[in-house]
Amino acid sequence: MVNTQRKRVCISILNWNNAPETVECIQSLGTLGEMDVEVIVLDNGSSDDSVDVLSRTAGITLMKSEVNLGFAGGHNLVMRHALQHDFDYVWLLNNDACVEPGCLSRMLAAMEADPTIGAASPVIRDKAAPHGVQHALSLLNDTGTGVVEYPDLQQAALMQQSHPEKVILWGTALLLKRSTIEQVGLLDDKLFAYSEDTDYSLRCIRHRLKTHVVLDAGIRHDSPPHPRKPHYYYYTQRNAILMWRKYVGLAQLARVVRWNAKLAHDQLQRLQGNPAAQTAIKLGIWDGLTGKGGAYLHQRKLRPHQNLIVQSLLALA
């Protein structure tokens, strides 16, 4: 076993109006043995009593942002702190996750044993019993425009071994080496939330750093509700477009635009009777087309000419 006790790890957890779940996440970390760890909780502009609750929570360093910086901006704030204070690793951990025993030590051991690994994540299981696998492995597909999921652990192990250069990690519990952050940079603030993990995986791959799932390490995570809140639909639609603007070449552009249009069209059909979510999808499409990043402003509405352009795109489906 590789000795990881001397490695300094900064655990970055974001809180936004949900202190009870954040405290549950912190408690799931346990004592972490002999590792040199600092748990930093960034309150991301909460409007409830989160700061008061977290200020009374033992074992953490509390940082505060007056505004919600999103997943990317919030973790970037902590990552800058970690770089300034000479941490060897930064672990981006969702506040709605519970950590299984040995998770962090197993990931650290895997990364220390293989210097080519720049970023790693564990298997994600359901919080609810019997704790089935929610996510194991994503591989970039052959066209480079999407991913293929492998939830079976044995198959995931074989596929990762065969295609280590195609692994796309989830940001739910993303462990980064300091040297990775120095080479690749911080998360893309423009994305705000969702897709920033895919973007970071692709950037690691471009820097010839291995992205790796440690299949004997695990966290537990709530299954997503349906339907989700409107901001989810906005960010996923907008960021999908921002991502293909960033990564897809002209040869594949028409194909990807039509594919995204079909996904958006189908989602709008499924969300009939949910006008807030439908509005969020259309705003996301428009903002993606115009290259707008940042936070979702739910009070916005499309102007008539903007709506016409979006409807024309959806007609391609």
C-alpha atoms as a PDB file:
ATOM      1  CA  MET A   1       0.000   0.000   0.000  1.00  0.00           C
ATOM      2  CA  VAL A   2       1.289   3.451  -0.934  1.00  0.00           C
ATOM      3  CA  ASN A   3       1.846   5.728   2.075  1.00  0.00           C
ATOM      4  CA  THR A   4      -0.515   8.698   1.680  1.00  0.00           C
ATOM      5  CA  GLN A   5      -0.359  10.031   5.243  1.00  0.00           C
ATOM      6  CA  ARG A   6       2.026  12.848   4.352  1.00  0.00           C
ATOM      7  CA  LYS A   7      -0.166  14.155   1.536  1.00  0.00           C
ATOM      8  CA  ARG A   8      -2.159  17.249   2.417  1.00  0.00           C
ATOM      9  CA  VAL A   9      -5.756  17.124   1.193  1.00  0.00           C
ATOM     10  CA  CYS A  10      -8.207  20.021   1.023  1.00  0.00           C
ATOM     11  CA  ILE A  11     -11.829  18.831   0.933  1.00  0.00           C
ATOM     12  CA  SER A  12     -14.077  21.431  -0.697  1.00  0.00           C
ATOM     13  CA  ILE A  13     -17.803  21.264   0.118  1.00  0.00           C
ATOM     14  CA  LEU A  14     -20.306  23.880  -1.082  1.00  0.00           C
ATOM     15  CA  ASN A  15     -23.441  24.769   0.845  1.00  0.00           C
ATOM     16  CA  TRP A  16     -26.416  26.695  -0.503  1.00  0.00           C
ATOM     17  CA  ASN A  17     -29.445  26.911   1.790  1.00  0.00           C
ATOM     18  CA  ASN A  18     -29.043  23.296   2.930  1.00  0.00           C
ATOM     19  CA  ALA A  19     -26.983  23.115   6.120  1.00  0.00           C
ATOM     20  CA  PRO A  20     -28.553  19.851   7.465  1.00  0.00           C
ATOM     21  CA  GLU A  21     -27.468  17.876   4.400  1.00  0.00           C
ATOM     22  CA  THR A  22     -24.039  19.541   4.450  1.00  0.00           C
ATOM     23  CA  VAL A  23     -23.576  18.550   8.107  1.00  0.00           C
ATOM     24  CA  GLU A  24     -24.568  14.962   7.239  1.00  0.00           C
ATOM     25  CA  CYS A  25     -21.917  14.946   4.508  1.00  0.00           C
ATOM     26  CA  ILE A  26     -19.271  16.267   6.926  1.00  0.00           C
ATOM     27  CA  GLN A  27     -20.173  13.641   9.519  1.00  0.00           C
ATOM     28  CA  SER A  28     -19.862  10.864   6.918  1.00  0.00           C
ATOM     29  CA  LEU A  29     -16.193  11.757   6.476  1.00  0.00           C
ATOM     30  CA  GLY A  30     -15.443  10.310   9.917  1.00  0.00           C
ATOM     31  CA  THR A  31     -11.970  10.826  11.372  1.00  0.00           C
ATOM     32  CA  LEU A  32     -10.098  10.140   8.087  1.00  0.00           C
ATOM     33  CA  GLY A  33      -7.431   8.284  10.072  1.00  0.00           C
ATOM     34  CA  GLU A  34      -3.979   9.831  10.101  1.00  0.00           C
ATOM     35  CA  MET A  35      -4.374  11.855   6.895  1.00  0.00           C
ATOM     36  CA  ASP A  36      -3.547  15.562   6.853  1.00  0.00           C
ATOM     37  CA  VAL A  37      -6.920  16.950   5.806  1.00  0.00           C
ATOM     38  CA  GLU A  38      -8.662  20.321   6.001  1.00  0.00           C
ATOM     39  CA  VAL A  39     -12.404  20.348   5.363  1.00  0.00           C
ATOM     40  CA  ILE A  40     -13.448  23.691   3.905  1.00  0.00           C
ATOM     41  CA  VAL A  41     -17.140  24.458   3.602  1.00  0.00           C
ATOM     42  CA  LEU A  42     -17.965  27.420   1.409  1.00  0.00           C
ATOM     43  CA  ASP A  43     -21.383  28.909   2.053  1.00  0.00           C
ATOM     44  CA  ASN A  44     -22.417  29.953  -1.430  1.00  0.00           C
ATOM     45  CA  GLY A  45     -24.577  32.987  -0.724  1.00  0.00           C
ATOM     46  CA  SER A  46     -27.226  31.247   1.415  1.00  0.00           C
ATOM     47  CA  SER A  47     -30.281  33.255   2.446  1.00  0.00           C
ATOM     48  CA  ASP A  48     -31.314  30.976   5.339  1.00  0.00           C
ATOM     49  CA  ASP A  49     -29.606  30.184   8.668  1.00  0.00           C
ATOM     50  CA  SER A  50     -26.860  28.086   7.043  1.00  0.00           C
ATOM     51  CA  VAL A  51     -23.969  30.299   8.133  1.00  0.00           C
ATOM     52  CA  ASP A  52     -25.129  30.198  11.753  1.00  0.00           C
ATOM     53  CA  VAL A  53     -25.503  26.393  11.694  1.00  0.00           C
ATOM     54  CA  LEU A  54     -22.178  25.795   9.968  1.00  0.00           C
ATOM     55  CA  SER A  55     -20.306  28.211  12.232  1.00  0.00           C
ATOM     56  CA  ARG A  56     -21.222  25.863  15.092  1.00  0.00           C
ATOM     57  CA  THR A  57     -20.143  22.713  13.220  1.00  0.00           C
ATOM     58  CA  ALA A  58     -16.909  21.206  14.498  1.00  0.00           C
ATOM     59  CA  GLY A  59     -14.015  20.099  12.330  1.00  0.00           C
ATOM     60  CA  ILE A  60     -14.412  22.495   9.409  1.00  0.00           C
ATOM     61  CA  THR A  61     -13.087  25.785   8.112  1.00  0.00           C
ATOM     62  CA  LEU A  62     -16.008  27.965   7.051  1.00  0.00           C
ATOM     63  CA  MET A  63     -15.637  30.321   4.101  1.00  0.00           C
ATOM     64  CA  LYS A  64     -18.399  32.634   2.901  1.00  0.00           C
ATOM     65  CA  SER A  65     -19.406  34.163  -0.398  1.00  0.00           C
ATOM     66  CA  GLU A  66     -21.992  36.934  -0.395  1.00  0.00           C
ATOM     67  CA  VAL A  67     -23.389  35.696  -3.725  1.00  0.00           C
ATOM     68  CA  ASN A  68     -23.984  32.249  -5.206  1.00  0.00           C
ATOM     69  CA  LEU A  69     -20.938  31.511  -7.374  1.00  0.00           C
ATOM     70  CA  GLY A  70     -22.287  28.187  -8.583  1.00  0.00           C
ATOM     71  CA  PHE A  71     -20.479  24.846  -8.511  1.00  0.00           C
ATOM     72  CA  ALA A  72     -17.599  26.106 -10.630  1.00  0.00           C
ATOM     73  CA  GLY A  73     -17.050  29.489  -9.002  1.00  0.00           C
ATOM     74  CA  GLY A  74     -17.512  28.193  -5.461  1.00  0.00           C
ATOM     75  CA  HIS A  75     -15.034  25.349  -5.814  1.00  0.00           C
ATOM     76  CA  ASN A  76     -12.623  27.654  -7.655  1.00  0.00           C
ATOM     77  CA  LEU A  77     -12.534  29.897  -4.589  1.00  0.00           C
ATOM     78  CA  VAL A  78     -11.524  26.952  -2.412  1.00  0.00           C
ATOM     79  CA  MET A  79      -9.071  25.628  -4.997  1.00  0.00           C
ATOM     80  CA  ARG A  80      -7.260  28.978  -5.006  1.00  0.00           C
ATOM     81  CA  HIS A  81      -7.011  28.735  -1.223  1.00  0.00           C
ATOM     82  CA  ALA A  82      -5.616  25.206  -1.525  1.00  0.00           C
ATOM     83  CA  LEU A  83      -2.964  26.293  -4.024  1.00  0.00           C
ATOM     84  CA  GLN A  84      -1.940  29.220  -1.831  1.00  0.00           C
ATOM     85  CA  HIS A  85      -1.591  26.936   1.204  1.00  0.00           C
ATOM     86  CA  ASP A  86       0.402  24.164  -0.490  1.00  0.00           C
ATOM     87  CA  PHE A  87      -2.129  21.337  -0.448  1.00  0.00           C
ATOM     88  CA  ASP A  88      -1.203  18.284  -2.541  1.00  0.00           C
ATOM     89  CA  TYR A  89      -4.796  17.376  -3.447  1.00  0.00           C
ATOM     90  CA  VAL A  90      -8.211  19.019  -3.620  1.00  0.00           C
ATOM     91  CA  TRP A  91     -11.343  16.868  -3.282  1.00  0.00           C
ATOM     92  CA  LEU A  92     -14.500  18.486  -4.669  1.00  0.00           C
ATOM     93  CA  LEU A  93     -17.296  16.808  -2.729  1.00  0.00           C
ATOM     94  CA  ASN A  94     -21.030  17.386  -3.168  1.00  0.00           C
ATOM     95  CA  ASN A  95     -22.786  18.344   0.049  1.00  0.00           C
ATOM     96  CA  ASP A  96     -25.571  15.823  -0.711  1.00  0.00           C
ATOM     97  CA  ALA A  97     -23.089  12.938  -0.767  1.00  0.00           C
ATOM     98  CA  CYS A  98     -22.243  10.524   2.040  1.00  0.00           C
ATOM     99  CA  VAL A  99     -18.746   9.059   1.969  1.00  0.00           C
ATOM    100  CA  GLU A 100     -18.239   5.319   2.358  1.00  0.00           C
ATOM    101  CA  PRO A 101     -15.397   4.180   4.682  1.00  0.00           C
ATOM    102  CA  GLY A 102     -11.986   4.171   3.021  1.00  0.00           C
ATOM    103  CA  CYS A 103     -13.121   6.143  -0.021  1.00  0.00           C
ATOM    104  CA  LEU A 104     -10.577   8.946   0.144  1.00  0.00           C
ATOM    105  CA  SER A 105      -7.639   6.743   1.159  1.00  0.00           C
ATOM    106  CA  ARG A 106      -8.316   4.350  -1.727  1.00  0.00           C
ATOM    107  CA  MET A 107      -8.478   7.163  -4.246  1.00  0.00           C
ATOM    108  CA  LEU A 108      -5.287   8.699  -2.897  1.00  0.00           C
ATOM    109  CA  ALA A 109      -3.520   5.334  -3.041  1.00  0.00           C
ATOM    110  CA  ALA A 110      -4.565   4.846  -6.675  1.00  0.00           C
ATOM    111  CA  MET A 111      -3.370   8.320  -7.674  1.00  0.00           C
ATOM    112  CA  GLU A 112      -0.086   8.015  -5.795  1.00  0.00           C
ATOM    113  CA  ALA A 113       0.577   4.608  -7.357  1.00  0.00           C
ATOM    114  CA  ASP A 114       0.064   5.948 -10.901  1.00  0.00           C
ATOM    115  CA  PRO A 115       1.667   9.365 -11.582  1.00  0.00           C
ATOM    116  CA  THR A 116      -0.174   9.598 -14.917  1.00  0.00           C
ATOM    117  CA  ILE A 117      -3.560   9.950 -13.140  1.00  0.00           C
ATOM    118  CA  GLY A 118      -4.464  13.625 -12.889  1.00  0.00           C
ATOM    119  CA  ALA A 119      -8.055  13.314 -11.658  1.00  0.00           C
ATOM    120  CA  ALA A 120     -10.079  10.534 -10.074  1.00  0.00           C
ATOM    121  CA  SER A 121     -13.546   9.815  -8.741  1.00  0.00           C
ATOM    122  CA  PRO A 122     -15.259   6.937  -6.893  1.00  0.00           C
ATOM    123  CA  VAL A 123     -18.276   4.820  -7.743  1.00  0.00           C
ATOM    124  CA  ILE A 124     -21.536   6.607  -6.922  1.00  0.00           C
ATOM    125  CA  ARG A 125     -24.209   4.516  -5.213  1.00  0.00           C
ATOM    126  CA  ASP A 126     -27.779   5.250  -4.167  1.00  0.00           C
ATOM    127  CA  LYS A 127     -28.220   6.552  -0.621  1.00  0.00           C
ATOM    128  CA  ALA A 128     -31.300   4.388  -0.251  1.00  0.00           C
ATOM    129  CA  ALA A 129     -30.880   0.685   0.478  1.00  0.00           C
ATOM    130  CA  PRO A 130     -29.794  -1.609  -1.135  1.00  0.00           C
ATOM    131  CA  HIS A 131     -27.335   1.097  -2.317  1.00  0.00           C
ATOM    132  CA  GLY A 132     -27.262   0.058  -5.965  1.00  0.00           C
ATOM    133  CA  VAL A 133     -24.765   1.546  -8.384  1.00  0.00           C
ATOM    134  CA  GLN A 134     -25.995   4.928  -9.603  1.00  0.00           C
ATOM    135  CA  HIS A 135     -22.903   5.655 -11.686  1.00  0.00           C
ATOM    136  CA  ALA A 136     -19.675   3.768 -12.322  1.00  0.00           C
ATOM    137  CA  LEU A 137     -18.028   4.740 -15.605  1.00  0.00           C
ATOM    138  CA  SER A 138     -18.619   7.150 -18.498  1.00  0.00           C
ATOM    139  CA  LEU A 139     -16.566   6.817 -21.674  1.00  0.00           C
ATOM    140  CA  LEU A 140     -16.411   9.372 -24.463  1.00  0.00           C
ATOM    141  CA  ASN A 141     -18.193   7.935 -27.488  1.00  0.00           C
ATOM    142  CA  ASP A 142     -16.521   7.316 -30.837  1.00  0.00           C
ATOM    143  CA  THR A 143     -17.652  10.647 -32.305  1.00  0.00           C
ATOM    144  CA  GLY A 144     -16.498  12.634 -29.262  1.00  0.00           C
ATOM    145  CA  THR A 145     -19.949  14.234 -28.897  1.00  0.00           C
ATOM    146  CA  GLY A 146     -21.343  12.284 -25.941  1.00  0.00           C
ATOM    147  CA  VAL A 147     -20.702   9.504 -23.450  1.00  0.00           C
ATOM    148  CA  VAL A 148     -21.545   5.821 -23.029  1.00  0.00           C
ATOM    149  CA  GLU A 149     -22.458   4.674 -19.511  1.00  0.00           C
ATOM    150  CA  TYR A 150     -21.242   1.429 -17.919  1.00  0.00           C
ATOM    151  CA  PRO A 151     -23.066   0.825 -14.594  1.00  0.00           C
ATOM    152  CA  ASP A 152     -21.850  -2.757 -14.197  1.00  0.00           C
ATOM    153  CA  LEU A 153     -18.619  -2.741 -12.186  1.00  0.00           C
ATOM    154  CA  GLN A 154     -16.977  -5.681 -13.956  1.00  0.00           C
ATOM    155  CA  GLN A 155     -17.705  -4.238 -17.379  1.00  0.00           C
ATOM    156  CA  ALA A 156     -16.615  -0.793 -16.172  1.00  0.00           C
ATOM    157  CA  ALA A 157     -13.259  -2.229 -15.073  1.00  0.00           C
ATOM    158  CA  LEU A 158     -12.703  -3.876 -18.458  1.00  0.00           C
ATOM    159  CA  MET A 159     -13.721  -0.769 -20.430  1.00  0.00           C
ATOM    160  CA  GLN A 160     -11.572   1.549 -18.323  1.00  0.00           C
ATOM    161  CA  GLN A 161      -8.587  -0.745 -18.789  1.00  0.00           C
ATOM    162  CA  SER A 162      -9.182  -0.828 -22.554  1.00  0.00           C
ATOM    163  CA  HIS A 163      -9.909   2.899 -23.000  1.00  0.00           C
ATOM    164  CA  PRO A 164      -8.163   4.874 -20.230  1.00  0.00           C
ATOM    165  CA  GLU A 165      -7.914   7.910 -22.524  1.00  0.00           C
ATOM    166  CA  LYS A 166     -11.727   8.232 -22.833  1.00  0.00           C
ATOM    167  CA  VAL A 167     -12.869   8.344 -19.192  1.00  0.00           C
ATOM    168  CA  ILE A 168     -15.205  11.244 -18.361  1.00  0.00           C
ATOM    169  CA  LEU A 169     -15.506  11.839 -14.606  1.00  0.00           C
ATOM    170  CA  TRP A 170     -18.457  13.120 -12.603  1.00  0.00           C
ATOM    171  CA  GLY A 171     -17.911  16.103 -10.310  1.00  0.00           C
ATOM    172  CA  THR A 172     -19.842  14.613  -7.386  1.00  0.00           C
ATOM    173  CA  ALA A 173     -16.606  13.581  -5.643  1.00  0.00           C
ATOM    174  CA  LEU A 174     -13.765  14.682  -7.917  1.00  0.00           C
ATOM    175  CA  LEU A 175     -10.207  14.359  -6.576  1.00  0.00           C
ATOM    176  CA  LEU A 176      -7.565  16.524  -8.255  1.00  0.00           C
ATOM    177  CA  LYS A 177      -3.814  16.633  -7.854  1.00  0.00           C
ATOM    178  CA  ARG A 178      -2.280  20.026  -7.244  1.00  0.00           C
ATOM    179  CA  SER A 179      -0.146  19.536 -10.358  1.00  0.00           C
ATOM    180  CA  THR A 180      -3.324  18.919 -12.377  1.00  0.00           C
ATOM    181  CA  ILE A 181      -4.837  22.238 -11.290  1.00  0.00           C
ATOM    182  CA  GLU A 182      -1.558  23.984 -12.092  1.00  0.00           C
ATOM    183  CA  GLN A 183      -1.502  22.446 -15.596  1.00  0.00           C
ATOM    184  CA  VAL A 184      -5.178  22.405 -16.520  1.00  0.00           C
ATOM    185  CA  GLY A 185      -6.424  25.415 -14.552  1.00  0.00           C
ATOM    186  CA  LEU A 186      -9.579  25.963 -12.525  1.00  0.00           C
ATOM    187  CA  LEU A 187     -13.139  24.991 -13.421  1.00  0.00           C
ATOM    188  CA  ASP A 188     -14.841  27.013 -16.156  1.00  0.00           C
ATOM    189  CA  ASP A 189     -16.770  29.765 -14.303  1.00  0.00           C
ATOM    190  CA  LYS A 190     -18.903  30.380 -17.366  1.00  0.00           C
ATOM    191  CA  LEU A 191     -20.622  27.007 -17.010  1.00  0.00           C
ATOM    192  CA  PHE A 192     -21.658  27.851 -13.400  1.00  0.00           C
ATOM    193  CA  ALA A 193     -23.235  24.415 -12.750  1.00  0.00           C
ATOM    194  CA  TYR A 194     -23.441  21.139 -14.700  1.00  0.00           C
ATOM    195  CA  SER A 195     -21.063  20.047 -17.506  1.00  0.00           C
ATOM    196  CA  GLU A 196     -18.055  21.577 -15.724  1.00  0.00           C
ATOM    197  CA  ASP A 197     -16.921  18.056 -14.780  1.00  0.00           C
ATOM    198  CA  THR A 198     -17.117  16.887 -18.404  1.00  0.00           C
ATOM    199  CA  ASP A 199     -15.268  20.003 -19.490  1.00  0.00           C
ATOM    200  CA  TYR A 200     -12.553  19.417 -16.902  1.00  0.00           C
ATOM    201  CA  SER A 201     -12.180  15.768 -17.914  1.00  0.00           C
ATOM    202  CA  LEU A 202     -11.743  16.766 -21.549  1.00  0.00           C
ATOM    203  CA  ARG A 203      -9.164  19.379 -20.584  1.00  0.00           C
ATOM    204  CA  CYS A 204      -7.239  16.780 -18.551  1.00  0.00           C
ATOM    205  CA  ILE A 205      -7.271  14.420 -21.524  1.00  0.00           C
ATOM    206  CA  ARG A 206      -5.967  17.208 -23.770  1.00  0.00           C
ATOM    207  CA  HIS A 207      -3.090  17.657 -21.318  1.00  0.00           C
ATOM    208  CA  ARG A 208      -2.401  13.899 -21.498  1.00  0.00           C
ATOM    209  CA  LEU A 209      -3.465  13.372 -17.905  1.00  0.00           C
ATOM    210  CA  LYS A 210      -5.366  10.194 -17.098  1.00  0.00           C
ATOM    211  CA  THR A 211      -8.904  10.504 -15.726  1.00  0.00           C
ATOM    212  CA  HIS A 212      -9.673   7.452 -13.611  1.00  0.00           C
ATOM    213  CA  VAL A 213     -12.540   5.901 -11.646  1.00  0.00           C
ATOM    214  CA  VAL A 214     -11.379   4.087  -8.496  1.00  0.00           C
ATOM    215  CA  LEU A 215     -13.848   1.225  -8.583  1.00  0.00           C
ATOM    216  CA  ASP A 216     -13.233   0.008  -5.009  1.00  0.00           C
ATOM    217  CA  ALA A 217     -14.008   3.455  -3.553  1.00  0.00           C
ATOM    218  CA  GLY A 218     -17.544   4.730  -3.124  1.00  0.00           C
ATOM    219  CA  ILE A 219     -19.895   7.481  -2.053  1.00  0.00           C
ATOM    220  CA  ARG A 220     -23.672   7.472  -1.687  1.00  0.00           C
ATOM    221  CA  HIS A 221     -25.854  10.051  -3.345  1.00  0.00           C
ATOM    222  CA  ASP A 222     -29.571  10.787  -3.624  1.00  0.00           C
ATOM    223  CA  SER A 223     -31.249   9.704  -6.836  1.00  0.00           C
ATOM    224  CA  PRO A 224     -32.361  12.774  -8.804  1.00  0.00           C
ATOM    225  CA  PRO A 225     -36.023  13.789  -8.452  1.00  0.00           C
ATOM    226  CA  HIS A 226     -38.375  14.118 -11.401  1.00  0.00           C
ATOM    227  CA  PRO A 227     -39.221  16.667 -12.524  1.00  0.00           C
ATOM    228  CA  ARG A 228     -36.243  18.726 -11.419  1.00  0.00           C
ATOM    229  CA  LYS A 229     -36.228  22.411 -10.591  1.00  0.00           C
ATOM    230  CA  PRO A 230     -36.225  24.796 -13.598  1.00  0.00           C
ATOM    231  CA  HIS A 231     -32.608  25.877 -13.142  1.00  0.00           C
ATOM    232  CA  TYR A 232     -31.447  22.299 -13.859  1.00  0.00           C
ATOM    233  CA  TYR A 233     -33.077  22.353 -17.301  1.00  0.00           C
ATOM    234  CA  TYR A 234     -31.640  25.771 -18.042  1.00  0.00           C
ATOM    235  CA  TYR A 235     -28.056  24.853 -17.154  1.00  0.00           C
ATOM    236  CA  THR A 236     -28.060  21.462 -18.884  1.00  0.00           C
ATOM    237  CA  GLN A 237     -29.479  22.905 -22.107  1.00  0.00           C
ATOM    238  CA  ARG A 238     -27.285  25.997 -22.142  1.00  0.00           C
ATOM    239  CA  ASN A 239     -24.099  24.230 -21.165  1.00  0.00           C
ATOM    240  CA  ALA A 240     -24.596  21.464 -23.716  1.00  0.00           C
ATOM    241  CA  ILE A 241     -24.549  24.154 -26.391  1.00  0.00           C
ATOM    242  CA  LEU A 242     -21.605  25.984 -24.807  1.00  0.00           C
ATOM    243  CA  MET A 243     -19.739  22.676 -24.760  1.00  0.00           C
ATOM    244  CA  TRP A 244     -20.278  21.909 -28.437  1.00  0.00           C
ATOM    245  CA  ARG A 245     -19.305  25.473 -29.277  1.00  0.00           C
ATOM    246  CA  LYS A 246     -16.088  24.835 -27.394  1.00  0.00           C
ATOM    247  CA  TYR A 247     -15.188  21.336 -28.551  1.00  0.00           C
ATOM    248  CA  VAL A 248     -16.990  20.281 -31.734  1.00  0.00           C
ATOM    249  CA  GLY A 249     -15.393  20.949 -35.112  1.00  0.00           C
ATOM    250  CA  LEU A 250     -17.229  22.195 -38.191  1.00  0.00           C
ATOM    251  CA  ALA A 251     -17.383  18.695 -39.685  1.00  0.00           C
ATOM    252  CA  GLN A 252     -19.646  17.506 -36.852  1.00  0.00           C
ATOM    253  CA  LEU A 253     -21.460  20.751 -36.090  1.00  0.00           C
ATOM    254  CA  ALA A 254     -24.672  20.134 -38.053  1.00  0.00           C
ATOM    255  CA  ARG A 255     -24.982  16.644 -36.603  1.00  0.00           C
ATOM    256  CA  VAL A 256     -24.556  17.838 -33.029  1.00  0.00           C
ATOM    257  CA  VAL A 257     -26.968  20.770 -33.466  1.00  0.00           C
ATOM    258  CA  ARG A 258     -29.663  18.390 -34.736  1.00  0.00           C
ATOM    259  CA  TRP A 259     -28.948  15.940 -31.907  1.00  0.00           C
ATOM    260  CA  ASN A 260     -29.261  18.700 -29.287  1.00  0.00           C
ATOM    261  CA  ALA A 261     -32.434  19.990 -30.918  1.00  0.00           C
ATOM    262  CA  LYS A 262     -34.008  16.539 -30.687  1.00  0.00           C
ATOM    263  CA  LEU A 263     -33.057  16.175 -27.020  1.00  0.00           C
ATOM    264  CA  ALA A 264     -34.543  19.593 -26.215  1.00  0.00           C
ATOM    265  CA  HIS A 265     -37.698  18.848 -28.239  1.00  0.00           C
ATOM    266  CA  ASP A 266     -38.234  15.532 -26.458  1.00  0.00           C
ATOM    267  CA  GLN A 267     -37.650  17.126 -23.065  1.00  0.00           C
ATOM    268  CA  LEU A 268     -40.168  19.876 -23.790  1.00  0.00           C
ATOM    269  CA  GLN A 269     -42.719  17.193 -24.673  1.00  0.00           C
ATOM    270  CA  ARG A 270     -42.085  15.336 -21.415  1.00  0.00           C
ATOM    271  CA  LEU A 271     -42.455  18.560 -19.423  1.00  0.00           C
ATOM    272  CA  GLN A 272     -45.845  19.589 -20.793  1.00  0.00           C
ATOM    273  CA  GLY A 273     -47.762  21.113 -17.909  1.00  0.00           C
ATOM    274  CA  ASN A 274     -44.547  22.504 -16.400  1.00  0.00           C
ATOM    275  CA  PRO A 275     -44.261  25.955 -18.003  1.00  0.00           C
ATOM    276  CA  ALA A 276     -41.420  27.097 -15.708  1.00  0.00           C
ATOM    277  CA  ALA A 277     -39.221  24.196 -16.822  1.00  0.00           C
ATOM    278  CA  GLN A 278     -40.151  24.712 -20.488  1.00  0.00           C
ATOM    279  CA  THR A 279     -39.257  28.403 -20.267  1.00  0.00           C
ATOM    280  CA  ALA A 280     -35.940  27.469 -18.638  1.00  0.00           C
ATOM    281  CA  ILE A 281     -35.110  25.089 -21.512  1.00  0.00           C
ATOM    282  CA  LYS A 282     -35.809  27.728 -24.154  1.00  0.00           C
ATOM    283  CA  LEU A 283     -33.803  30.367 -22.279  1.00  0.00           C
ATOM    284  CA  GLY A 284     -30.970  27.861 -21.976  1.00  0.00           C
ATOM    285  CA  ILE A 285     -30.991  27.263 -25.726  1.00  0.00           C
ATOM    286  CA  TRP A 286     -30.920  30.994 -26.457  1.00  0.00           C
ATOM    287  CA  ASP A 287     -28.155  31.750 -23.976  1.00  0.00           C
ATOM    288  CA  GLY A 288     -26.117  28.836 -25.270  1.00  0.00           C
ATOM    289  CA  LEU A 289     -26.460  30.074 -28.850  1.00  0.00           C
ATOM    290  CA  THR A 290     -25.383  33.572 -27.822  1.00  0.00           C
ATOM    291  CA  GLY A 291     -22.533  32.333 -25.593  1.00  0.00           C
ATOM    292  CA  LYS A 292     -23.927  33.646 -22.304  1.00  0.00           C
ATOM    293  CA  GLY A 293     -22.598  32.045 -19.116  1.00  0.00           C
ATOM    294  CA  GLY A 294     -23.190  32.584 -15.409  1.00  0.00           C
ATOM    295  CA  ALA A 295     -26.203  32.191 -13.150  1.00  0.00           C
ATOM    296  CA  TYR A 296     -29.793  31.513 -14.232  1.00  0.00           C
ATOM    297  CA  LEU A 297     -32.133  34.469 -13.782  1.00  0.00           C
ATOM    298  CA  HIS A 298     -35.546  32.840 -13.470  1.00  0.00           C
ATOM    299  CA  GLN A 299     -37.525  36.036 -14.019  1.00  0.00           C
ATOM    300  CA  ARG A 300     -36.256  36.430 -17.595  1.00  0.00           C
ATOM    301  CA  LYS A 301     -38.364  35.657 -20.633  1.00  0.00           C
ATOM    302  CA  LEU A 302     -37.497  35.355 -24.284  1.00  0.00           C
ATOM    303  CA  ARG A 303     -38.321  38.259 -26.555  1.00  0.00           C
ATOM    304  CA  PRO A 304     -40.472  37.454 -29.617  1.00  0.00           C
ATOM    305  CA  HIS A 305     -37.544  37.366 -32.089  1.00  0.00           C
ATOM    306  CA  GLN A 306     -35.486  35.233 -29.688  1.00  0.00           C
ATOM    307  CA  ASN A 307     -38.366  32.787 -29.283  1.00  0.00           C
ATOM    308  CA  LEU A 308     -38.704  32.568 -33.087  1.00  0.00           C
ATOM    309  CA  ILE A 309     -35.027  31.600 -33.462  1.00  0.00           C
ATOM    310  CA  VAL A 310     -35.307  28.984 -30.722  1.00  0.00           C
ATOM    311  CA  GLN A 311     -38.455  27.514 -32.278  1.00  0.00           C
ATOM    312  CA  SER A 312     -36.671  27.357 -35.644  1.00  0.00           C
ATOM    313  CA  LEU A 313     -33.849  25.372 -34.040  1.00  0.00           C
ATOM    314  CA  LEU A 314     -36.284  23.007 -32.354  1.00  0.00           C
ATOM    315  CA  ALA A 315     -37.916  22.406 -35.741  1.00  0.00           C
ATOM    316  CA  LEU A 316     -34.706  20.653 -36.813  1.00  0.00           C
ATOM    317  CA  ALA A 317     -35.529  17.780 -34.454  1.00  0.00           C
END
